[in-house]
Amino acid sequence: MKGMRGNPGLKGRLLENSIEAYVMALETINRLSIKYRMETFAYLICNAWELMLKAKIIQDSGDRETIYYEKKRGEPRRSLTLRDCLKTVFQKENDPTRRNVELVADLRDEATHLVISQVPKDVLALFQACVLNYHKRLNEWWDISLSDRVPVGMMTIVYDLRPDQLDLNSPTLRRRLGADAARYLMEFEARLRQESEDLGRSVEFSIPVNYKLALVKDVGDADISLTTGGAGETVGVLKIPKDPSTTHPYRQTELIKQVNKVLEGTTINKSHVECVVKSHSVKKKSNFYYQGKVKNSPGQYSHEFVEWIAMKHRQDRSFFEKARQKANSLRAKAK
């Protein structure tokens, strides 16, 4: 794995075990046949985060002792809990990544009292963000790629498309869960929705995935096309749905407001956005930019573009100035 070779001592062992826990978490949550998959996933992904954060704390401090509490006489040595690791690395209480993992940890803790056989949709949205946040930080902090172990598709959580498997208002799902688990999850999902609003619907906190199913006569009108194959023929999923209002919800003015919510110590304006778009050929990247085919349709930008800008700014505080210089150079060459 890229970036793993040469990681010495305790820090390296923490990272290796963290990645093992992460891969096992993905294998568990994506196996619909496992009834205990939500609790198992929560345990494993929290373990993965805790180990990686401890490695990060050691790296930042240069001292392995920083991951331990002060030892008390007559008591065994204790390392930092997940929540204390999060507080150390993500010092802002309302950091979306920190709050995401803290809420997953809440579910992990509650799982000792409840048997939760189904994973409702808002919890899946929380889990999806947790999975992607981990991989993002692993790459950002350690330059580690998991492409040789984890296919990209595996990072998209699989779930049953039947509505009664997802909606806690469904009597069928409530009966399957039991009264106590259903009541807890309904209260928990209400917290998730409120906090998502408070955090500006940050994709680092929660990533909702919505599917709309319908029977249509014309396959060209379908978002997903399921086919049956003859003997020896492959059956495939032909198209994955994309709703630009969901994937690319920001026009330029809305994009500026959203970016300013997540940037630290910097405020951008229209000129900054135009320079970034020009210098990085954003309009050629479908994951960042969408232009409707109807005449005079405004350009739309994605959640991913917001997060990419924020990441680039964290990595290099002169990001916007360099974008301005490059954009000016490109404009000069075009004259």
C-alpha atoms as a PDB file:
ATOM      1  CA  MET A   1       0.000   0.000   0.000  1.00  0.00           C
ATOM      2  CA  LYS A   2       1.272   3.410  -0.950  1.00  0.00           C
ATOM      3  CA  GLY A   3       2.610   5.302   2.043  1.00  0.00           C
ATOM      4  CA  MET A   4       2.679   2.398   4.500  1.00  0.00           C
ATOM      5  CA  ARG A   5       6.226   1.187   3.970  1.00  0.00           C
ATOM      6  CA  GLY A   6       8.639   2.777   6.416  1.00  0.00           C
ATOM      7  CA  ASN A   7       6.061   3.739   9.070  1.00  0.00           C
ATOM      8  CA  PRO A   8       8.044   2.907  12.220  1.00  0.00           C
ATOM      9  CA  GLY A   9       7.108   1.657  15.660  1.00  0.00           C
ATOM     10  CA  LEU A  10       3.873   2.322  17.478  1.00  0.00           C
ATOM     11  CA  LYS A  11       2.592   4.892  14.971  1.00  0.00           C
ATOM     12  CA  GLY A  12       2.961   2.423  12.101  1.00  0.00           C
ATOM     13  CA  ARG A  13       1.260  -0.395  14.007  1.00  0.00           C
ATOM     14  CA  LEU A  14      -1.634   1.887  14.909  1.00  0.00           C
ATOM     15  CA  LEU A  15      -2.122   2.775  11.252  1.00  0.00           C
ATOM     16  CA  GLU A  16      -1.924  -0.817  10.072  1.00  0.00           C
ATOM     17  CA  ASN A  17      -4.538  -1.930  12.602  1.00  0.00           C
ATOM     18  CA  SER A  18      -6.676   1.096  11.818  1.00  0.00           C
ATOM     19  CA  ILE A  19      -6.798   0.195   8.129  1.00  0.00           C
ATOM     20  CA  GLU A  20      -7.626  -3.429   8.966  1.00  0.00           C
ATOM     21  CA  ALA A  21     -10.567  -2.261  11.080  1.00  0.00           C
ATOM     22  CA  TYR A  22     -11.722   0.081   8.287  1.00  0.00           C
ATOM     23  CA  VAL A  23     -11.686  -2.660   5.641  1.00  0.00           C
ATOM     24  CA  MET A  24     -13.556  -5.038   7.966  1.00  0.00           C
ATOM     25  CA  ALA A  25     -16.123  -2.294   8.683  1.00  0.00           C
ATOM     26  CA  LEU A  26     -16.810  -1.903   4.956  1.00  0.00           C
ATOM     27  CA  GLU A  27     -17.065  -5.642   4.425  1.00  0.00           C
ATOM     28  CA  THR A  28     -19.575  -5.855   7.288  1.00  0.00           C
ATOM     29  CA  ILE A  29     -21.877  -2.945   6.400  1.00  0.00           C
ATOM     30  CA  ASN A  30     -22.066  -4.062   2.773  1.00  0.00           C
ATOM     31  CA  ARG A  31     -23.258  -7.583   3.588  1.00  0.00           C
ATOM     32  CA  LEU A  32     -27.030  -7.331   3.827  1.00  0.00           C
ATOM     33  CA  SER A  33     -27.261 -10.878   5.175  1.00  0.00           C
ATOM     34  CA  ILE A  34     -25.641  -9.864   8.489  1.00  0.00           C
ATOM     35  CA  LYS A  35     -28.369  -8.964  10.986  1.00  0.00           C
ATOM     36  CA  TYR A  36     -25.906  -7.441  13.446  1.00  0.00           C
ATOM     37  CA  ARG A  37     -24.228  -5.299  10.793  1.00  0.00           C
ATOM     38  CA  MET A  38     -25.046  -1.844  12.154  1.00  0.00           C
ATOM     39  CA  GLU A  39     -23.582  -2.516  15.598  1.00  0.00           C
ATOM     40  CA  THR A  40     -20.565  -4.349  14.156  1.00  0.00           C
ATOM     41  CA  PHE A  41     -19.880  -1.585  11.645  1.00  0.00           C
ATOM     42  CA  ALA A  42     -20.123   1.080  14.370  1.00  0.00           C
ATOM     43  CA  TYR A  43     -17.623  -0.779  16.567  1.00  0.00           C
ATOM     44  CA  LEU A  44     -15.168  -1.331  13.739  1.00  0.00           C
ATOM     45  CA  ILE A  45     -15.309   2.139  12.181  1.00  0.00           C
ATOM     46  CA  CYS A  46     -14.928   3.768  15.606  1.00  0.00           C
ATOM     47  CA  ASN A  47     -11.931   1.538  16.268  1.00  0.00           C
ATOM     48  CA  ALA A  48     -10.458   2.514  12.891  1.00  0.00           C
ATOM     49  CA  TRP A  49     -10.870   6.215  13.685  1.00  0.00           C
ATOM     50  CA  GLU A  50      -9.465   5.898  17.216  1.00  0.00           C
ATOM     51  CA  LEU A  51      -6.309   4.138  16.044  1.00  0.00           C
ATOM     52  CA  MET A  52      -5.728   6.561  13.173  1.00  0.00           C
ATOM     53  CA  LEU A  53      -6.262   9.586  15.432  1.00  0.00           C
ATOM     54  CA  LYS A  54      -3.759   8.223  17.945  1.00  0.00           C
ATOM     55  CA  ALA A  55      -1.217   7.846  15.149  1.00  0.00           C
ATOM     56  CA  LYS A  56      -1.973  11.441  14.116  1.00  0.00           C
ATOM     57  CA  ILE A  57      -1.479  12.704  17.681  1.00  0.00           C
ATOM     58  CA  ILE A  58       1.891  10.940  17.894  1.00  0.00           C
ATOM     59  CA  GLN A  59       2.926  12.370  14.533  1.00  0.00           C
ATOM     60  CA  ASP A  60       1.934  15.931  15.462  1.00  0.00           C
ATOM     61  CA  SER A  61       3.514  15.851  18.932  1.00  0.00           C
ATOM     62  CA  GLY A  62       6.529  13.682  18.173  1.00  0.00           C
ATOM     63  CA  ASP A  63       5.879  11.922  21.474  1.00  0.00           C
ATOM     64  CA  ARG A  64       4.141   8.560  21.861  1.00  0.00           C
ATOM     65  CA  GLU A  65       3.327   9.396  25.478  1.00  0.00           C
ATOM     66  CA  THR A  66       0.751  11.960  24.345  1.00  0.00           C
ATOM     67  CA  ILE A  67      -1.791   9.228  23.591  1.00  0.00           C
ATOM     68  CA  TYR A  68      -1.881   8.131  27.251  1.00  0.00           C
ATOM     69  CA  TYR A  69      -3.575   9.589  30.293  1.00  0.00           C
ATOM     70  CA  GLU A  70      -1.409  10.369  33.289  1.00  0.00           C
ATOM     71  CA  LYS A  71      -0.854   7.075  35.102  1.00  0.00           C
ATOM     72  CA  LYS A  72      -2.315   6.749  38.563  1.00  0.00           C
ATOM     73  CA  ARG A  73      -0.633   4.621  41.155  1.00  0.00           C
ATOM     74  CA  GLY A  74      -2.089   1.154  41.408  1.00  0.00           C
ATOM     75  CA  GLU A  75      -4.121   1.497  38.202  1.00  0.00           C
ATOM     76  CA  PRO A  76      -3.317   0.148  34.723  1.00  0.00           C
ATOM     77  CA  ARG A  77      -2.087   2.536  32.052  1.00  0.00           C
ATOM     78  CA  ARG A  78      -4.885   3.886  29.854  1.00  0.00           C
ATOM     79  CA  SER A  79      -4.737   5.417  26.368  1.00  0.00           C
ATOM     80  CA  LEU A  80      -7.010   8.223  25.204  1.00  0.00           C
ATOM     81  CA  THR A  81     -10.619   7.420  24.389  1.00  0.00           C
ATOM     82  CA  LEU A  82     -11.984   8.039  20.914  1.00  0.00           C
ATOM     83  CA  ARG A  83     -13.809  11.177  22.055  1.00  0.00           C
ATOM     84  CA  ASP A  84     -10.674  12.647  23.651  1.00  0.00           C
ATOM     85  CA  CYS A  85      -8.697  11.853  20.485  1.00  0.00           C
ATOM     86  CA  LEU A  86     -11.327  13.713  18.453  1.00  0.00           C
ATOM     87  CA  LYS A  87     -11.133  16.719  20.777  1.00  0.00           C
ATOM     88  CA  THR A  88      -7.345  16.785  20.398  1.00  0.00           C
ATOM     89  CA  VAL A  89      -7.271  16.596  16.594  1.00  0.00           C
ATOM     90  CA  PHE A  90     -10.507  18.464  15.750  1.00  0.00           C
ATOM     91  CA  GLN A  91     -10.553  21.220  18.341  1.00  0.00           C
ATOM     92  CA  LYS A  92     -13.709  22.968  17.144  1.00  0.00           C
ATOM     93  CA  GLU A  93     -16.759  21.449  18.845  1.00  0.00           C
ATOM     94  CA  ASN A  94     -18.918  21.898  15.740  1.00  0.00           C
ATOM     95  CA  ASP A  95     -16.399  20.459  13.272  1.00  0.00           C
ATOM     96  CA  PRO A  96     -18.580  18.298  10.966  1.00  0.00           C
ATOM     97  CA  THR A  97     -16.098  15.411  10.854  1.00  0.00           C
ATOM     98  CA  ARG A  98     -15.750  15.379  14.633  1.00  0.00           C
ATOM     99  CA  ARG A  99     -19.516  15.494  15.170  1.00  0.00           C
ATOM    100  CA  ASN A 100     -20.002  12.718  12.619  1.00  0.00           C
ATOM    101  CA  VAL A 101     -17.685  10.322  14.447  1.00  0.00           C
ATOM    102  CA  GLU A 102     -19.034  11.348  17.861  1.00  0.00           C
ATOM    103  CA  LEU A 103     -22.562  10.431  16.792  1.00  0.00           C
ATOM    104  CA  VAL A 104     -21.421   7.121  15.326  1.00  0.00           C
ATOM    105  CA  ALA A 105     -19.773   6.503  18.707  1.00  0.00           C
ATOM    106  CA  ASP A 106     -23.098   7.268  20.409  1.00  0.00           C
ATOM    107  CA  LEU A 107     -24.686   4.530  18.300  1.00  0.00           C
ATOM    108  CA  ARG A 108     -21.858   2.151  19.157  1.00  0.00           C
ATOM    109  CA  ASP A 109     -22.403   2.756  22.864  1.00  0.00           C
ATOM    110  CA  GLU A 110     -26.172   2.327  22.628  1.00  0.00           C
ATOM    111  CA  ALA A 111     -25.730  -0.922  20.713  1.00  0.00           C
ATOM    112  CA  THR A 112     -24.761  -2.632  23.984  1.00  0.00           C
ATOM    113  CA  HIS A 113     -28.377  -2.211  25.122  1.00  0.00           C
ATOM    114  CA  LEU A 114     -30.330  -2.672  21.874  1.00  0.00           C
ATOM    115  CA  VAL A 115     -30.369  -5.156  19.008  1.00  0.00           C
ATOM    116  CA  ILE A 116     -30.793  -3.071  15.857  1.00  0.00           C
ATOM    117  CA  SER A 117     -31.359  -5.404  12.925  1.00  0.00           C
ATOM    118  CA  GLN A 118     -32.084  -2.738  10.267  1.00  0.00           C
ATOM    119  CA  VAL A 119     -30.196   0.446   9.378  1.00  0.00           C
ATOM    120  CA  PRO A 120     -32.549   3.393   8.690  1.00  0.00           C
ATOM    121  CA  LYS A 121     -31.731   5.891   5.965  1.00  0.00           C
ATOM    122  CA  ASP A 122     -30.505   8.847   8.052  1.00  0.00           C
ATOM    123  CA  VAL A 123     -28.140   6.556   9.962  1.00  0.00           C
ATOM    124  CA  LEU A 124     -26.831   5.226   6.647  1.00  0.00           C
ATOM    125  CA  ALA A 125     -26.209   8.837   5.569  1.00  0.00           C
ATOM    126  CA  LEU A 126     -24.160   9.335   8.752  1.00  0.00           C
ATOM    127  CA  PHE A 127     -22.222   6.109   8.109  1.00  0.00           C
ATOM    128  CA  GLN A 128     -21.558   7.050   4.477  1.00  0.00           C
ATOM    129  CA  ALA A 129     -19.944  10.333   5.487  1.00  0.00           C
ATOM    130  CA  CYS A 130     -17.920   8.529   8.174  1.00  0.00           C
ATOM    131  CA  VAL A 131     -16.529   6.087   5.605  1.00  0.00           C
ATOM    132  CA  LEU A 132     -15.512   8.794   3.140  1.00  0.00           C
ATOM    133  CA  ASN A 133     -14.139  11.083   5.856  1.00  0.00           C
ATOM    134  CA  TYR A 134     -11.833   8.323   7.065  1.00  0.00           C
ATOM    135  CA  HIS A 135     -10.408   7.667   3.624  1.00  0.00           C
ATOM    136  CA  LYS A 136     -10.024  11.398   2.983  1.00  0.00           C
ATOM    137  CA  ARG A 137      -8.067  11.952   6.216  1.00  0.00           C
ATOM    138  CA  LEU A 138      -5.979   8.824   5.667  1.00  0.00           C
ATOM    139  CA  ASN A 139      -4.897  10.204   2.317  1.00  0.00           C
ATOM    140  CA  GLU A 140      -4.532  13.790   3.549  1.00  0.00           C
ATOM    141  CA  TRP A 141      -2.507  12.970   6.662  1.00  0.00           C
ATOM    142  CA  TRP A 142      -0.504   9.947   5.498  1.00  0.00           C
ATOM    143  CA  ASP A 143      -0.655   9.906   1.682  1.00  0.00           C
ATOM    144  CA  ILE A 144      -1.920   6.313   1.904  1.00  0.00           C
ATOM    145  CA  SER A 145      -3.923   4.788  -0.924  1.00  0.00           C
ATOM    146  CA  LEU A 146      -6.201   1.797  -0.354  1.00  0.00           C
ATOM    147  CA  SER A 147      -6.906   1.238  -4.042  1.00  0.00           C
ATOM    148  CA  ASP A 148      -5.216  -2.165  -3.932  1.00  0.00           C
ATOM    149  CA  ARG A 149      -7.506  -3.355  -1.119  1.00  0.00           C
ATOM    150  CA  VAL A 150     -10.753  -1.402  -1.305  1.00  0.00           C
ATOM    151  CA  PRO A 151     -12.528  -0.868  -4.662  1.00  0.00           C
ATOM    152  CA  VAL A 152     -14.125   2.572  -4.907  1.00  0.00           C
ATOM    153  CA  GLY A 153     -17.572   0.981  -5.172  1.00  0.00           C
ATOM    154  CA  MET A 154     -17.049  -0.707  -1.813  1.00  0.00           C
ATOM    155  CA  MET A 155     -16.967   2.722  -0.153  1.00  0.00           C
ATOM    156  CA  THR A 156     -20.563   3.286  -1.227  1.00  0.00           C
ATOM    157  CA  ILE A 157     -22.700   1.639   1.415  1.00  0.00           C
ATOM    158  CA  VAL A 158     -25.149  -0.945   0.084  1.00  0.00           C
ATOM    159  CA  TYR A 159     -28.691  -0.942   1.397  1.00  0.00           C
ATOM    160  CA  ASP A 160     -32.063  -2.457   0.574  1.00  0.00           C
ATOM    161  CA  LEU A 161     -34.150  -0.178  -1.671  1.00  0.00           C
ATOM    162  CA  ARG A 162     -37.475  -1.268  -0.168  1.00  0.00           C
ATOM    163  CA  PRO A 163     -39.056   1.737   1.615  1.00  0.00           C
ATOM    164  CA  ASP A 164     -40.130  -0.315   4.626  1.00  0.00           C
ATOM    165  CA  GLN A 165     -36.484  -1.151   5.253  1.00  0.00           C
ATOM    166  CA  LEU A 166     -35.564   2.536   5.554  1.00  0.00           C
ATOM    167  CA  ASP A 167     -38.475   4.551   6.964  1.00  0.00           C
ATOM    168  CA  LEU A 168     -38.910   4.485  10.724  1.00  0.00           C
ATOM    169  CA  ASN A 169     -42.509   5.617  10.274  1.00  0.00           C
ATOM    170  CA  SER A 170     -43.207   2.232   8.712  1.00  0.00           C
ATOM    171  CA  PRO A 171     -45.074  -0.115  11.120  1.00  0.00           C
ATOM    172  CA  THR A 172     -43.269  -3.030   9.442  1.00  0.00           C
ATOM    173  CA  LEU A 173     -39.839  -1.661  10.337  1.00  0.00           C
ATOM    174  CA  ARG A 174     -40.904  -0.704  13.871  1.00  0.00           C
ATOM    175  CA  ARG A 175     -42.176  -4.228  14.507  1.00  0.00           C
ATOM    176  CA  ARG A 176     -38.959  -5.708  13.175  1.00  0.00           C
ATOM    177  CA  LEU A 177     -36.800  -3.461  15.344  1.00  0.00           C
ATOM    178  CA  GLY A 178     -38.840  -3.665  18.517  1.00  0.00           C
ATOM    179  CA  ALA A 179     -40.336  -0.768  20.506  1.00  0.00           C
ATOM    180  CA  ASP A 180     -37.181   0.311  22.384  1.00  0.00           C
ATOM    181  CA  ALA A 181     -34.843   0.263  19.364  1.00  0.00           C
ATOM    182  CA  ALA A 182     -37.403   2.005  17.129  1.00  0.00           C
ATOM    183  CA  ARG A 183     -38.012   4.736  19.719  1.00  0.00           C
ATOM    184  CA  TYR A 184     -34.270   5.322  20.190  1.00  0.00           C
ATOM    185  CA  LEU A 185     -33.599   5.469  16.438  1.00  0.00           C
ATOM    186  CA  MET A 186     -36.481   7.871  15.792  1.00  0.00           C
ATOM    187  CA  GLU A 187     -35.089  10.251  18.419  1.00  0.00           C
ATOM    188  CA  PHE A 188     -31.562   9.759  17.084  1.00  0.00           C
ATOM    189  CA  GLU A 189     -32.577  10.512  13.492  1.00  0.00           C
ATOM    190  CA  ALA A 190     -34.374  13.667  14.641  1.00  0.00           C
ATOM    191  CA  ARG A 191     -31.072  14.783  16.222  1.00  0.00           C
ATOM    192  CA  LEU A 192     -29.232  13.976  13.005  1.00  0.00           C
ATOM    193  CA  ARG A 193     -31.566  16.020  10.841  1.00  0.00           C
ATOM    194  CA  GLN A 194     -31.409  19.014  13.178  1.00  0.00           C
ATOM    195  CA  GLU A 195     -27.649  18.922  13.490  1.00  0.00           C
ATOM    196  CA  SER A 196     -27.269  18.533   9.736  1.00  0.00           C
ATOM    197  CA  GLU A 197     -29.208  21.786   9.316  1.00  0.00           C
ATOM    198  CA  ASP A 198     -27.133  23.501  12.021  1.00  0.00           C
ATOM    199  CA  LEU A 199     -23.934  22.461  10.224  1.00  0.00           C
ATOM    200  CA  GLY A 200     -25.133  23.765   6.867  1.00  0.00           C
ATOM    201  CA  ARG A 201     -25.836  20.266   5.520  1.00  0.00           C
ATOM    202  CA  SER A 202     -22.121  19.558   5.417  1.00  0.00           C
ATOM    203  CA  VAL A 203     -21.244  16.411   3.473  1.00  0.00           C
ATOM    204  CA  GLU A 204     -18.586  15.696   6.090  1.00  0.00           C
ATOM    205  CA  PHE A 205     -21.416  15.208   8.578  1.00  0.00           C
ATOM    206  CA  SER A 206     -23.999  13.337   6.522  1.00  0.00           C
ATOM    207  CA  ILE A 207     -24.320  12.198   2.912  1.00  0.00           C
ATOM    208  CA  PRO A 208     -27.907  11.304   1.994  1.00  0.00           C
ATOM    209  CA  VAL A 209     -28.473   8.944  -0.915  1.00  0.00           C
ATOM    210  CA  ASN A 210     -31.913   9.044  -2.525  1.00  0.00           C
ATOM    211  CA  TYR A 211     -33.407   6.675  -5.072  1.00  0.00           C
ATOM    212  CA  LYS A 212     -36.753   7.095  -6.825  1.00  0.00           C
ATOM    213  CA  LEU A 213     -38.158   3.911  -8.306  1.00  0.00           C
ATOM    214  CA  ALA A 214     -40.840   3.738 -11.018  1.00  0.00           C
ATOM    215  CA  LEU A 215     -41.926   1.396 -13.790  1.00  0.00           C
ATOM    216  CA  VAL A 216     -41.501   3.007 -17.215  1.00  0.00           C
ATOM    217  CA  LYS A 217     -42.158   1.776 -20.747  1.00  0.00           C
ATOM    218  CA  ASP A 218     -39.217   3.572 -22.288  1.00  0.00           C
ATOM    219  CA  VAL A 219     -35.829   2.449 -20.904  1.00  0.00           C
ATOM    220  CA  GLY A 220     -34.475   5.885 -21.830  1.00  0.00           C
ATOM    221  CA  ASP A 221     -36.645   7.400 -19.110  1.00  0.00           C
ATOM    222  CA  ALA A 222     -35.195   5.168 -16.389  1.00  0.00           C
ATOM    223  CA  ASP A 223     -32.625   6.135 -13.779  1.00  0.00           C
ATOM    224  CA  ILE A 224     -31.704   2.498 -13.127  1.00  0.00           C
ATOM    225  CA  SER A 225     -32.296  -0.242 -15.677  1.00  0.00           C
ATOM    226  CA  LEU A 226     -32.398  -3.836 -14.409  1.00  0.00           C
ATOM    227  CA  THR A 227     -32.294  -6.603 -17.020  1.00  0.00           C
ATOM    228  CA  THR A 228     -32.641 -10.376 -16.994  1.00  0.00           C
ATOM    229  CA  GLY A 229     -30.083 -12.298 -18.973  1.00  0.00           C
ATOM    230  CA  GLY A 230     -30.411 -15.451 -20.984  1.00  0.00           C
ATOM    231  CA  ALA A 231     -28.350 -18.547 -20.374  1.00  0.00           C
ATOM    232  CA  GLY A 232     -24.764 -17.530 -19.840  1.00  0.00           C
ATOM    233  CA  GLU A 233     -25.489 -13.821 -20.350  1.00  0.00           C
ATOM    234  CA  THR A 234     -24.353 -11.154 -17.928  1.00  0.00           C
ATOM    235  CA  VAL A 235     -26.980  -9.170 -16.025  1.00  0.00           C
ATOM    236  CA  GLY A 236     -26.001  -5.585 -15.435  1.00  0.00           C
ATOM    237  CA  VAL A 237     -26.988  -2.272 -13.903  1.00  0.00           C
ATOM    238  CA  LEU A 238     -26.953   0.056 -16.875  1.00  0.00           C
ATOM    239  CA  LYS A 239     -27.255   3.491 -15.363  1.00  0.00           C
ATOM    240  CA  ILE A 240     -26.820   5.114 -11.973  1.00  0.00           C
ATOM    241  CA  PRO A 241     -29.202   7.971 -11.115  1.00  0.00           C
ATOM    242  CA  LYS A 242     -27.927  11.510 -10.784  1.00  0.00           C
ATOM    243  CA  ASP A 243     -30.137  14.427  -9.849  1.00  0.00           C
ATOM    244  CA  PRO A 244     -28.243  17.718 -10.463  1.00  0.00           C
ATOM    245  CA  SER A 245     -30.390  19.506  -7.868  1.00  0.00           C
ATOM    246  CA  THR A 246     -28.941  17.090  -5.300  1.00  0.00           C
ATOM    247  CA  THR A 247     -25.423  16.458  -6.604  1.00  0.00           C
ATOM    248  CA  HIS A 248     -24.765  20.041  -7.804  1.00  0.00           C
ATOM    249  CA  PRO A 249     -27.083  22.249  -5.721  1.00  0.00           C
ATOM    250  CA  TYR A 250     -25.057  25.481  -5.651  1.00  0.00           C
ATOM    251  CA  ARG A 251     -25.195  28.339  -8.107  1.00  0.00           C
ATOM    252  CA  GLN A 252     -22.276  30.750  -7.858  1.00  0.00           C
ATOM    253  CA  THR A 253     -23.797  32.972  -5.144  1.00  0.00           C
ATOM    254  CA  GLU A 254     -24.844  29.941  -3.076  1.00  0.00           C
ATOM    255  CA  LEU A 255     -21.438  28.353  -3.630  1.00  0.00           C
ATOM    256  CA  ILE A 256     -19.675  31.409  -2.217  1.00  0.00           C
ATOM    257  CA  LYS A 257     -21.872  31.344   0.905  1.00  0.00           C
ATOM    258  CA  GLN A 258     -21.301  27.629   1.431  1.00  0.00           C
ATOM    259  CA  VAL A 259     -17.529  27.843   0.956  1.00  0.00           C
ATOM    260  CA  ASN A 260     -17.315  30.766   3.385  1.00  0.00           C
ATOM    261  CA  LYS A 261     -19.081  28.611   5.990  1.00  0.00           C
ATOM    262  CA  VAL A 262     -16.365  25.965   5.897  1.00  0.00           C
ATOM    263  CA  LEU A 263     -13.230  28.071   5.307  1.00  0.00           C
ATOM    264  CA  GLU A 264     -11.058  29.007   8.255  1.00  0.00           C
ATOM    265  CA  GLY A 265      -9.760  32.572   8.440  1.00  0.00           C
ATOM    266  CA  THR A 266     -10.580  33.493   4.834  1.00  0.00           C
ATOM    267  CA  THR A 267     -13.598  34.968   3.058  1.00  0.00           C
ATOM    268  CA  ILE A 268     -13.964  34.561  -0.698  1.00  0.00           C
ATOM    269  CA  ASN A 269     -15.987  36.417  -3.314  1.00  0.00           C
ATOM    270  CA  LYS A 270     -17.028  36.053  -6.942  1.00  0.00           C
ATOM    271  CA  SER A 271     -13.546  36.852  -8.221  1.00  0.00           C
ATOM    272  CA  HIS A 272     -11.981  34.069  -6.139  1.00  0.00           C
ATOM    273  CA  VAL A 273     -14.439  31.507  -7.513  1.00  0.00           C
ATOM    274  CA  GLU A 274     -13.919  32.592 -11.120  1.00  0.00           C
ATOM    275  CA  CYS A 275     -10.145  32.313 -10.734  1.00  0.00           C
ATOM    276  CA  VAL A 276     -10.367  28.835  -9.213  1.00  0.00           C
ATOM    277  CA  VAL A 277     -12.767  27.703 -11.911  1.00  0.00           C
ATOM    278  CA  LYS A 278     -10.501  29.081 -14.650  1.00  0.00           C
ATOM    279  CA  SER A 279      -7.165  27.904 -13.277  1.00  0.00           C
ATOM    280  CA  HIS A 280      -8.317  24.365 -12.482  1.00  0.00           C
ATOM    281  CA  SER A 281     -10.581  23.784 -15.524  1.00  0.00           C
ATOM    282  CA  VAL A 282     -13.496  23.141 -13.189  1.00  0.00           C
ATOM    283  CA  LYS A 283     -16.100  23.358 -15.953  1.00  0.00           C
ATOM    284  CA  LYS A 284     -14.567  20.269 -17.543  1.00  0.00           C
ATOM    285  CA  LYS A 285     -15.001  18.224 -14.351  1.00  0.00           C
ATOM    286  CA  SER A 286     -18.468  16.742 -14.085  1.00  0.00           C
ATOM    287  CA  ASN A 287     -18.039  15.907 -10.418  1.00  0.00           C
ATOM    288  CA  PHE A 288     -17.551  19.633  -9.693  1.00  0.00           C
ATOM    289  CA  TYR A 289     -19.679  21.423 -12.298  1.00  0.00           C
ATOM    290  CA  TYR A 290     -22.974  20.902 -14.102  1.00  0.00           C
ATOM    291  CA  GLN A 291     -24.454  22.988 -16.921  1.00  0.00           C
ATOM    292  CA  GLY A 292     -28.066  22.326 -17.925  1.00  0.00           C
ATOM    293  CA  LYS A 293     -28.886  21.885 -21.604  1.00  0.00           C
ATOM    294  CA  VAL A 294     -31.707  24.439 -21.491  1.00  0.00           C
ATOM    295  CA  LYS A 295     -30.572  27.788 -22.922  1.00  0.00           C
ATOM    296  CA  ASN A 296     -29.286  30.277 -20.317  1.00  0.00           C
ATOM    297  CA  SER A 297     -29.312  27.647 -17.534  1.00  0.00           C
ATOM    298  CA  PRO A 298     -26.970  28.776 -14.726  1.00  0.00           C
ATOM    299  CA  GLY A 299     -23.899  26.721 -13.890  1.00  0.00           C
ATOM    300  CA  GLN A 300     -24.241  24.538 -10.795  1.00  0.00           C
ATOM    301  CA  TYR A 301     -21.512  23.388  -8.422  1.00  0.00           C
ATOM    302  CA  SER A 302     -21.342  20.249  -6.292  1.00  0.00           C
ATOM    303  CA  HIS A 303     -20.886  19.462  -2.601  1.00  0.00           C
ATOM    304  CA  GLU A 304     -17.638  17.794  -3.633  1.00  0.00           C
ATOM    305  CA  PHE A 305     -16.359  21.053  -5.128  1.00  0.00           C
ATOM    306  CA  VAL A 306     -17.025  22.865  -1.841  1.00  0.00           C
ATOM    307  CA  GLU A 307     -15.074  20.224   0.072  1.00  0.00           C
ATOM    308  CA  TRP A 308     -12.270  20.259  -2.486  1.00  0.00           C
ATOM    309  CA  ILE A 309     -11.834  24.040  -2.173  1.00  0.00           C
ATOM    310  CA  ALA A 310     -11.796  23.786   1.622  1.00  0.00           C
ATOM    311  CA  MET A 311      -9.216  20.972   1.502  1.00  0.00           C
ATOM    312  CA  LYS A 312      -6.966  22.892  -0.905  1.00  0.00           C
ATOM    313  CA  HIS A 313      -7.136  25.959   1.328  1.00  0.00           C
ATOM    314  CA  ARG A 314      -6.244  23.894   4.414  1.00  0.00           C
ATOM    315  CA  GLN A 315      -3.247  22.441   2.598  1.00  0.00           C
ATOM    316  CA  ASP A 316      -2.049  25.767   1.173  1.00  0.00           C
ATOM    317  CA  ARG A 317      -3.181  29.129   2.557  1.00  0.00           C
ATOM    318  CA  SER A 318      -1.990  30.792  -0.657  1.00  0.00           C
ATOM    319  CA  PHE A 319      -4.321  28.598  -2.754  1.00  0.00           C
ATOM    320  CA  PHE A 320      -6.573  31.474  -3.872  1.00  0.00           C
ATOM    321  CA  GLU A 321      -3.658  33.769  -4.687  1.00  0.00           C
ATOM    322  CA  LYS A 322      -2.010  31.060  -6.796  1.00  0.00           C
ATOM    323  CA  ALA A 323      -5.335  30.444  -8.551  1.00  0.00           C
ATOM    324  CA  ARG A 324      -5.604  34.167  -9.341  1.00  0.00           C
ATOM    325  CA  GLN A 325      -2.067  34.267 -10.762  1.00  0.00           C
ATOM    326  CA  LYS A 326      -2.628  31.179 -12.914  1.00  0.00           C
ATOM    327  CA  ALA A 327      -6.001  32.422 -14.158  1.00  0.00           C
ATOM    328  CA  ASN A 328      -4.478  35.786 -15.152  1.00  0.00           C
ATOM    329  CA  SER A 329      -1.700  33.955 -16.985  1.00  0.00           C
ATOM    330  CA  LEU A 330      -4.186  31.810 -18.900  1.00  0.00           C
ATOM    331  CA  ARG A 331      -6.246  34.862 -19.838  1.00  0.00           C
ATOM    332  CA  ALA A 332      -3.127  36.653 -21.069  1.00  0.00           C
ATOM    333  CA  LYS A 333      -2.159  33.679 -23.269  1.00  0.00           C
ATOM    334  CA  ALA A 334      -5.667  33.544 -24.742  1.00  0.00           C
ATOM    335  CA  LYS A 335      -5.468  37.138 -26.006  1.00  0.00           C
END
